[in-house]
Amino acid sequence: MMMISIVAVMGCSNDEVSPSQSTVQKDETTLVIGAYSVAKDALSEILPLFHKEWEQKTGQNIKFQESYEASGTQARAIVGGFEADVTLLAMEGDIEKLVKADLLDEEWKNKPENGMVTRSIVVMGTREGNPLGIKEFTDLTKPGIKVVYPNPKTSGGAQWDINAIYGAGLRLSEEQGKKDPEVAKQFLEKVHHNIESLDKSGRSSMAAFEYGVGDVIVTYENELRARIQKGVKYEIVVPKDTILIENPAAVISKYADKHDTREVAEAFIEYLWSEEAQRIFAKHGFRPVNDVVYNENISEYPIPEGLFDIEYLGGWEYVRETIYSKRGVWYQVLAGL
């Protein structure tokens, strides 16, 4: 597996520091960050600010070693031996993989917002002017509509996308009389029948869509907002029924202790809830978890009428077992069962 790593050196020499080393000298340390790809742009602005704050507070200089991958791929890499001190992933389920591997404490959620540093919702993106008149997930089942979303086997973002579509199917079944998983599965099958591209990560799907693949992309709201802010002519379509996304961050205690970086790692994670960091997340399209920053931007973040969270689907453990296990709904859809 190829790891994309960027060594960012701030206010220090260009000598590389191995992530397996502890603090090289009293006034310098290296913090290794393993994050999901969608967080990369925001972190490129957050890391220098934290670097400055930490240096002013402690006199210690930080080097950052960064790796960005699809969330599921990143979690597997860390379990497989990539010694990240901290991680930002797309979903709680990927953090729980690290807990099961005894890499971090089960108390990781004993933090502000239960360990979640950003929020978003699943939306649809269309070409400028929404030429096909897409309004709801039901429109993705129409003949000839070419749909793009990533592969949930590798991408945490894709699991949010699939959960949103499946949950919208459950809402449809409730409107017909009762909450019926079979109706939701059939709805997901109809949408997936129109899939044009199934990429390894949310960022890869966004790139494919920009290259002209597909008519509609199912993705994070923040991904589209970030691209629109950079001048790309997309339309954001917020379906009535969709899912609330929550993205966690945590110190990987086993490796932070090994590298003698626990103090700076904990400080970095805490910094992610600061108003300064949350404003940068908001700049990059995320829904802030900090109330002050959220209220500053509240007009930008409409709440869909039928917004639901992961508990509506039964919680992450149930979702993993029923949708993403080897015999789960998603794999039945892929196999045409």
Protein backbone atom coordinates (compact mmCIF):
# COMPACT_ATOMS: atom_id res chain seq x y z
CA MET A 1 0.00 0.00 0.00
CA MET A 2 1.39 3.41 -0.93
CA MET A 3 1.35 6.05 1.80
CA ILE A 4 1.27 9.70 0.77
CA SER A 5 3.40 11.53 3.31
CA ILE A 6 4.34 15.18 3.48
CA VAL A 7 6.94 16.40 5.94
CA ALA A 8 6.17 19.97 6.92
CA VAL A 9 9.06 21.72 8.65
CA MET A 10 8.34 25.00 10.36
CA GLY A 11 11.05 27.24 11.76
CA CYS A 12 13.68 24.52 11.86
CA SER A 13 16.24 22.70 9.72
CA ASN A 14 15.30 20.39 6.86
CA ASP A 15 16.63 17.28 8.57
CA GLU A 16 13.94 14.58 8.57
CA VAL A 17 12.96 12.96 11.85
CA SER A 18 11.75 9.38 11.96
CA PRO A 19 8.29 8.95 13.53
CA SER A 20 9.75 6.12 15.63
CA GLN A 21 12.06 8.57 17.42
CA SER A 22 11.10 10.29 20.62
CA THR A 23 11.88 13.98 21.19
CA VAL A 24 15.19 14.68 19.47
CA GLN A 25 16.11 17.49 21.83
CA LYS A 26 14.36 19.39 24.52
CA ASP A 27 13.34 22.27 22.26
CA GLU A 28 12.13 20.18 19.31
CA THR A 29 9.68 17.35 18.65
CA THR A 30 7.91 15.64 15.76
CA LEU A 31 4.15 15.07 15.66
CA VAL A 32 2.96 12.42 13.22
CA ILE A 33 -0.55 12.96 11.85
CA GLY A 34 -2.57 10.29 10.03
CA ALA A 35 -5.72 11.86 8.61
CA TYR A 36 -8.43 11.24 6.08
CA SER A 37 -7.95 12.98 2.75
CA VAL A 38 -10.83 15.47 3.03
CA ALA A 39 -9.21 17.13 6.07
CA LYS A 40 -5.98 17.96 4.25
CA ASP A 41 -6.79 21.50 3.08
CA ALA A 42 -8.06 22.65 6.47
CA LEU A 43 -5.08 21.12 8.29
CA SER A 44 -2.69 22.91 5.94
CA GLU A 45 -3.85 26.13 7.62
CA ILE A 46 -4.43 24.79 11.14
CA LEU A 47 -0.99 23.22 11.63
CA PRO A 48 1.03 26.45 11.27
CA LEU A 49 -1.28 28.20 13.73
CA PHE A 50 -0.94 25.43 16.30
CA HIS A 51 2.82 25.40 15.71
CA LYS A 52 2.99 29.10 16.55
CA GLU A 53 0.79 28.77 19.63
CA TRP A 54 2.71 25.79 21.00
CA GLU A 55 6.09 27.43 20.44
CA GLN A 56 4.96 30.61 22.18
CA LYS A 57 3.57 28.60 25.10
CA THR A 58 6.40 26.11 25.60
CA GLY A 59 9.39 27.30 23.57
CA GLN A 60 9.35 23.94 21.78
CA ASN A 61 9.50 23.72 17.99
CA ILE A 62 7.32 21.12 16.22
CA LYS A 63 7.93 19.27 13.00
CA PHE A 64 4.82 17.74 11.45
CA GLN A 65 4.86 14.52 9.48
CA GLU A 66 1.52 14.19 7.69
CA SER A 67 -0.19 11.33 5.86
CA TYR A 68 -3.53 11.66 4.05
CA GLU A 69 -5.54 8.71 2.77
CA ALA A 70 -9.12 7.53 2.51
CA SER A 71 -10.37 7.08 6.08
CA GLY A 72 -10.66 3.30 6.00
CA THR A 73 -7.27 2.99 4.31
CA GLN A 74 -5.70 5.29 6.90
CA ALA A 75 -7.19 3.35 9.80
CA ARG A 76 -5.88 0.07 8.37
CA ALA A 77 -2.43 1.61 7.88
CA ILE A 78 -2.28 2.70 11.51
CA VAL A 79 -3.42 -0.73 12.70
CA GLY A 80 -0.81 -2.21 10.37
CA GLY A 81 2.05 -0.25 11.91
CA PHE A 82 1.99 3.35 10.68
CA GLU A 83 2.91 5.07 13.95
CA ALA A 84 0.73 8.19 13.89
CA ASP A 85 0.51 10.17 17.12
CA VAL A 86 -2.88 11.68 16.29
CA THR A 87 -5.57 10.91 13.78
CA LEU A 88 -8.54 12.65 12.17
CA LEU A 89 -10.86 10.20 10.45
CA ALA A 90 -14.18 10.32 8.65
CA MET A 91 -16.21 8.36 11.16
CA GLU A 92 -16.33 6.88 14.61
CA GLY A 93 -16.19 3.34 13.24
CA ASP A 94 -12.66 3.87 11.94
CA ILE A 95 -11.50 5.16 15.33
CA GLU A 96 -13.05 2.08 16.94
CA LYS A 97 -10.81 -0.10 14.75
CA LEU A 98 -7.86 1.50 16.52
CA VAL A 99 -9.46 0.91 19.91
CA LYS A 100 -9.91 -2.78 19.09
CA ALA A 101 -6.24 -2.93 18.09
CA ASP A 102 -5.33 -1.55 21.55
CA LEU A 103 -3.76 1.54 20.01
CA LEU A 104 -5.81 4.08 21.92
CA ASP A 105 -7.97 4.32 25.00
CA GLU A 106 -11.71 3.67 24.95
CA GLU A 107 -12.04 7.02 26.74
CA TRP A 108 -11.20 8.89 23.51
CA LYS A 109 -14.81 10.10 23.42
CA ASN A 110 -14.48 11.79 26.83
CA LYS A 111 -13.74 15.02 25.00
CA PRO A 112 -15.83 17.99 23.84
CA GLU A 113 -18.59 16.91 21.45
CA ASN A 114 -17.82 13.24 22.20
CA GLY A 115 -14.55 13.52 20.31
CA MET A 116 -16.06 14.98 17.13
CA VAL A 117 -14.19 17.97 15.69
CA THR A 118 -16.30 18.71 12.60
CA ARG A 119 -19.76 18.04 11.22
CA SER A 120 -21.28 18.01 7.76
CA ILE A 121 -24.22 16.47 5.91
CA VAL A 122 -24.46 14.30 2.80
CA VAL A 123 -25.64 16.30 -0.19
CA MET A 124 -25.64 16.03 -3.98
CA GLY A 125 -23.55 18.11 -6.33
CA THR A 126 -24.56 18.85 -9.91
CA ARG A 127 -23.14 20.77 -12.82
CA GLU A 128 -23.78 24.51 -12.95
CA GLY A 129 -27.48 25.32 -13.14
CA ASN A 130 -28.52 21.77 -12.14
CA PRO A 131 -29.41 20.91 -15.76
CA LEU A 132 -31.13 17.62 -14.85
CA GLY A 133 -33.31 19.18 -12.14
CA ILE A 134 -32.00 16.98 -9.30
CA LYS A 135 -33.85 17.64 -6.03
CA GLU A 136 -33.92 14.44 -3.96
CA PHE A 137 -32.12 11.11 -3.71
CA THR A 138 -35.10 9.60 -5.53
CA ASP A 139 -33.98 11.47 -8.65
CA LEU A 140 -30.81 9.37 -8.68
CA THR A 141 -32.88 6.31 -9.58
CA LYS A 142 -34.09 7.79 -12.87
CA PRO A 143 -32.89 6.14 -16.13
CA GLY A 144 -29.80 7.72 -17.61
CA ILE A 145 -28.65 9.61 -14.49
CA LYS A 146 -24.92 8.99 -13.97
CA VAL A 147 -24.02 8.94 -10.27
CA VAL A 148 -20.60 9.28 -8.60
CA TYR A 149 -19.65 8.31 -5.05
CA PRO A 150 -16.64 6.51 -3.53
CA ASN A 151 -16.20 2.89 -2.52
CA PRO A 152 -17.28 2.20 1.10
CA LYS A 153 -14.73 -0.61 1.32
CA THR A 154 -11.94 1.99 1.41
CA SER A 155 -13.68 5.29 2.15
CA GLY A 156 -15.37 6.41 5.34
CA GLY A 157 -16.96 9.20 3.32
CA ALA A 158 -18.54 6.60 1.08
CA GLN A 159 -20.11 4.90 4.08
CA TRP A 160 -21.71 8.20 5.05
CA ASP A 161 -22.97 8.52 1.46
CA ILE A 162 -24.41 5.00 1.42
CA ASN A 163 -25.90 5.51 4.89
CA ALA A 164 -27.62 8.67 3.68
CA ILE A 165 -29.16 6.95 0.67
CA TYR A 166 -30.14 3.87 2.67
CA GLY A 167 -31.64 6.09 5.39
CA ALA A 168 -33.58 8.05 2.78
CA GLY A 169 -34.96 4.69 1.67
CA LEU A 170 -36.03 3.96 5.24
CA ARG A 171 -37.81 7.34 5.33
CA LEU A 172 -39.65 6.42 2.13
CA SER A 173 -40.77 3.15 3.69
CA GLU A 174 -42.06 5.02 6.75
CA GLU A 175 -44.10 7.27 4.48
CA GLN A 176 -45.59 4.08 3.02
CA GLY A 177 -46.58 2.76 6.43
CA LYS A 178 -43.61 1.25 8.30
CA LYS A 179 -39.82 1.43 8.58
CA ASP A 180 -38.74 -1.39 6.27
CA PRO A 181 -35.05 -2.30 5.65
CA GLU A 182 -36.02 -4.23 2.50
CA VAL A 183 -37.48 -1.08 0.92
CA ALA A 184 -34.28 0.78 1.86
CA LYS A 185 -32.15 -1.94 0.27
CA GLN A 186 -34.18 -1.83 -2.94
CA PHE A 187 -33.84 1.95 -3.03
CA LEU A 188 -30.06 1.69 -2.63
CA GLU A 189 -29.98 -0.89 -5.43
CA LYS A 190 -31.82 1.47 -7.78
CA VAL A 191 -29.39 4.31 -7.05
CA HIS A 192 -26.35 2.06 -7.38
CA HIS A 193 -27.61 0.80 -10.73
CA ASN A 194 -26.78 4.27 -12.06
CA ILE A 195 -23.26 4.41 -10.61
CA GLU A 196 -20.71 5.81 -13.06
CA SER A 197 -17.61 5.86 -10.86
CA LEU A 198 -16.68 4.13 -7.59
CA ASP A 199 -13.44 5.69 -6.35
CA LYS A 200 -11.19 4.90 -3.37
CA SER A 201 -11.90 8.12 -1.44
CA GLY A 202 -14.20 11.12 -1.26
CA ARG A 203 -11.41 13.32 -2.59
CA SER A 204 -10.86 10.93 -5.53
CA SER A 205 -14.56 11.02 -6.38
CA MET A 206 -14.47 14.81 -6.30
CA ALA A 207 -11.52 14.78 -8.70
CA ALA A 208 -13.34 12.40 -11.06
CA PHE A 209 -16.41 14.62 -11.02
CA GLU A 210 -14.24 17.64 -11.84
CA TYR A 211 -12.78 15.77 -14.79
CA GLY A 212 -16.33 15.43 -16.13
CA VAL A 213 -17.32 11.98 -14.87
CA GLY A 214 -21.00 11.65 -13.99
CA ASP A 215 -23.99 13.97 -13.71
CA VAL A 216 -24.37 13.96 -9.92
CA ILE A 217 -21.93 13.37 -7.08
CA VAL A 218 -23.07 12.21 -3.64
CA THR A 219 -20.62 13.69 -1.18
CA TYR A 220 -19.95 15.76 1.91
CA GLU A 221 -21.44 19.25 1.88
CA ASN A 222 -18.01 20.62 2.84
CA GLU A 223 -16.34 19.11 -0.21
CA LEU A 224 -18.66 21.00 -2.55
CA ARG A 225 -18.56 24.21 -0.54
CA ALA A 226 -14.76 24.19 -0.62
CA ARG A 227 -14.69 23.73 -4.39
CA ILE A 228 -17.31 26.42 -4.98
CA GLN A 229 -15.27 28.83 -2.84
CA LYS A 230 -12.38 28.21 -5.22
CA GLY A 231 -14.52 29.21 -8.20
CA VAL A 232 -15.76 25.84 -9.48
CA LYS A 233 -19.30 26.16 -10.85
CA TYR A 234 -21.29 23.50 -9.00
CA GLU A 235 -24.75 23.47 -7.48
CA ILE A 236 -25.34 22.02 -4.01
CA VAL A 237 -28.60 20.10 -3.70
CA VAL A 238 -29.66 19.41 -0.11
CA PRO A 239 -32.16 16.52 -0.02
CA LYS A 240 -35.01 16.62 2.45
CA ASP A 241 -33.90 13.35 4.06
CA THR A 242 -30.17 13.00 4.66
CA ILE A 243 -27.68 12.13 7.36
CA LEU A 244 -25.68 14.21 9.83
CA ILE A 245 -21.95 13.50 9.45
CA GLU A 246 -19.69 13.66 12.49
CA ASN A 247 -15.91 13.42 12.11
CA PRO A 248 -13.69 12.39 15.07
CA ALA A 249 -10.12 13.08 16.12
CA ALA A 250 -8.05 11.29 18.76
CA VAL A 251 -4.60 10.82 20.23
CA ILE A 252 -3.22 7.38 19.39
CA SER A 253 -1.94 6.79 22.89
CA LYS A 254 0.26 3.77 22.17
CA TYR A 255 2.37 5.62 19.64
CA ALA A 256 2.23 9.03 21.34
CA ASP A 257 3.58 7.42 24.51
CA LYS A 258 6.22 5.53 22.52
CA HIS A 259 7.38 8.74 20.84
CA ASP A 260 7.11 10.81 24.03
CA THR A 261 4.67 13.16 22.27
CA ARG A 262 1.57 12.63 24.43
CA GLU A 263 1.57 16.18 25.82
CA VAL A 264 1.79 17.93 22.46
CA ALA A 265 -0.59 15.42 20.85
CA GLU A 266 -3.24 16.07 23.51
CA ALA A 267 -2.74 19.81 23.12
CA PHE A 268 -3.17 19.56 19.35
CA ILE A 269 -6.42 17.62 19.65
CA GLU A 270 -7.73 20.17 22.16
CA TYR A 271 -6.74 22.96 19.79
CA LEU A 272 -9.03 21.54 17.10
CA TRP A 273 -12.03 22.64 19.21
CA SER A 274 -10.73 26.20 19.57
CA GLU A 275 -12.53 29.06 17.85
CA GLU A 276 -9.44 29.70 15.72
CA ALA A 277 -9.30 26.13 14.38
CA GLN A 278 -13.07 25.87 14.02
CA ARG A 279 -13.15 29.03 11.89
CA ILE A 280 -10.69 27.41 9.53
CA PHE A 281 -12.80 24.25 9.35
CA ALA A 282 -15.79 26.50 8.57
CA LYS A 283 -13.77 28.28 5.87
CA HIS A 284 -13.28 24.89 4.25
CA GLY A 285 -16.98 24.09 4.32
CA PHE A 286 -17.33 22.03 7.49
CA ARG A 287 -20.11 22.69 9.99
CA PRO A 288 -18.35 23.86 13.17
CA VAL A 289 -18.90 22.01 16.44
CA ASN A 290 -17.92 25.12 18.41
CA ASP A 291 -21.19 26.93 19.19
CA VAL A 292 -19.73 30.41 18.83
CA VAL A 293 -18.32 29.68 15.38
CA TYR A 294 -21.42 27.78 14.29
CA ASN A 295 -23.64 30.71 15.22
CA GLU A 296 -21.38 33.04 13.24
CA ASN A 297 -22.06 30.91 10.16
CA ILE A 298 -25.55 29.61 10.88
CA SER A 299 -27.11 31.17 7.77
CA GLU A 300 -24.75 29.10 5.63
CA TYR A 301 -25.90 25.78 7.05
CA PRO A 302 -29.59 25.00 6.48
CA ILE A 303 -30.93 22.06 8.48
CA PRO A 304 -32.78 19.62 6.21
CA GLU A 305 -36.34 18.84 7.25
CA GLY A 306 -35.70 15.11 7.55
CA LEU A 307 -32.15 15.20 8.90
CA PHE A 308 -31.26 12.02 10.79
CA ASP A 309 -28.13 10.71 12.48
CA ILE A 310 -26.43 7.33 12.64
CA GLU A 311 -28.69 6.24 15.49
CA TYR A 312 -31.66 6.31 13.11
CA LEU A 313 -29.94 3.43 11.30
CA GLY A 314 -29.26 1.60 14.57
CA GLY A 315 -25.83 2.99 15.47
CA TRP A 316 -22.41 2.25 14.00
CA GLU A 317 -22.08 -1.30 15.34
CA TYR A 318 -25.43 -2.29 13.85
CA VAL A 319 -24.65 -0.52 10.58
CA ARG A 320 -21.31 -2.32 10.23
CA GLU A 321 -22.98 -5.67 10.81
CA THR A 322 -26.04 -5.19 8.64
CA ILE A 323 -24.75 -3.02 5.80
CA TYR A 324 -20.98 -3.46 5.49
CA SER A 325 -20.28 -6.99 6.70
CA LYS A 326 -19.39 -9.68 4.14
CA ARG A 327 -23.04 -10.66 3.85
CA GLY A 328 -24.45 -7.20 4.50
CA VAL A 329 -26.76 -5.03 2.45
CA TRP A 330 -24.00 -3.24 0.54
CA TYR A 331 -22.36 -6.45 -0.63
CA GLN A 332 -25.73 -7.89 -1.58
CA VAL A 333 -26.28 -4.79 -3.69
CA LEU A 334 -22.90 -5.22 -5.37
CA ALA A 335 -23.57 -8.89 -6.03
CA GLY A 336 -27.12 -8.30 -7.24
CA LEU A 337 -28.57 -10.56 -4.53
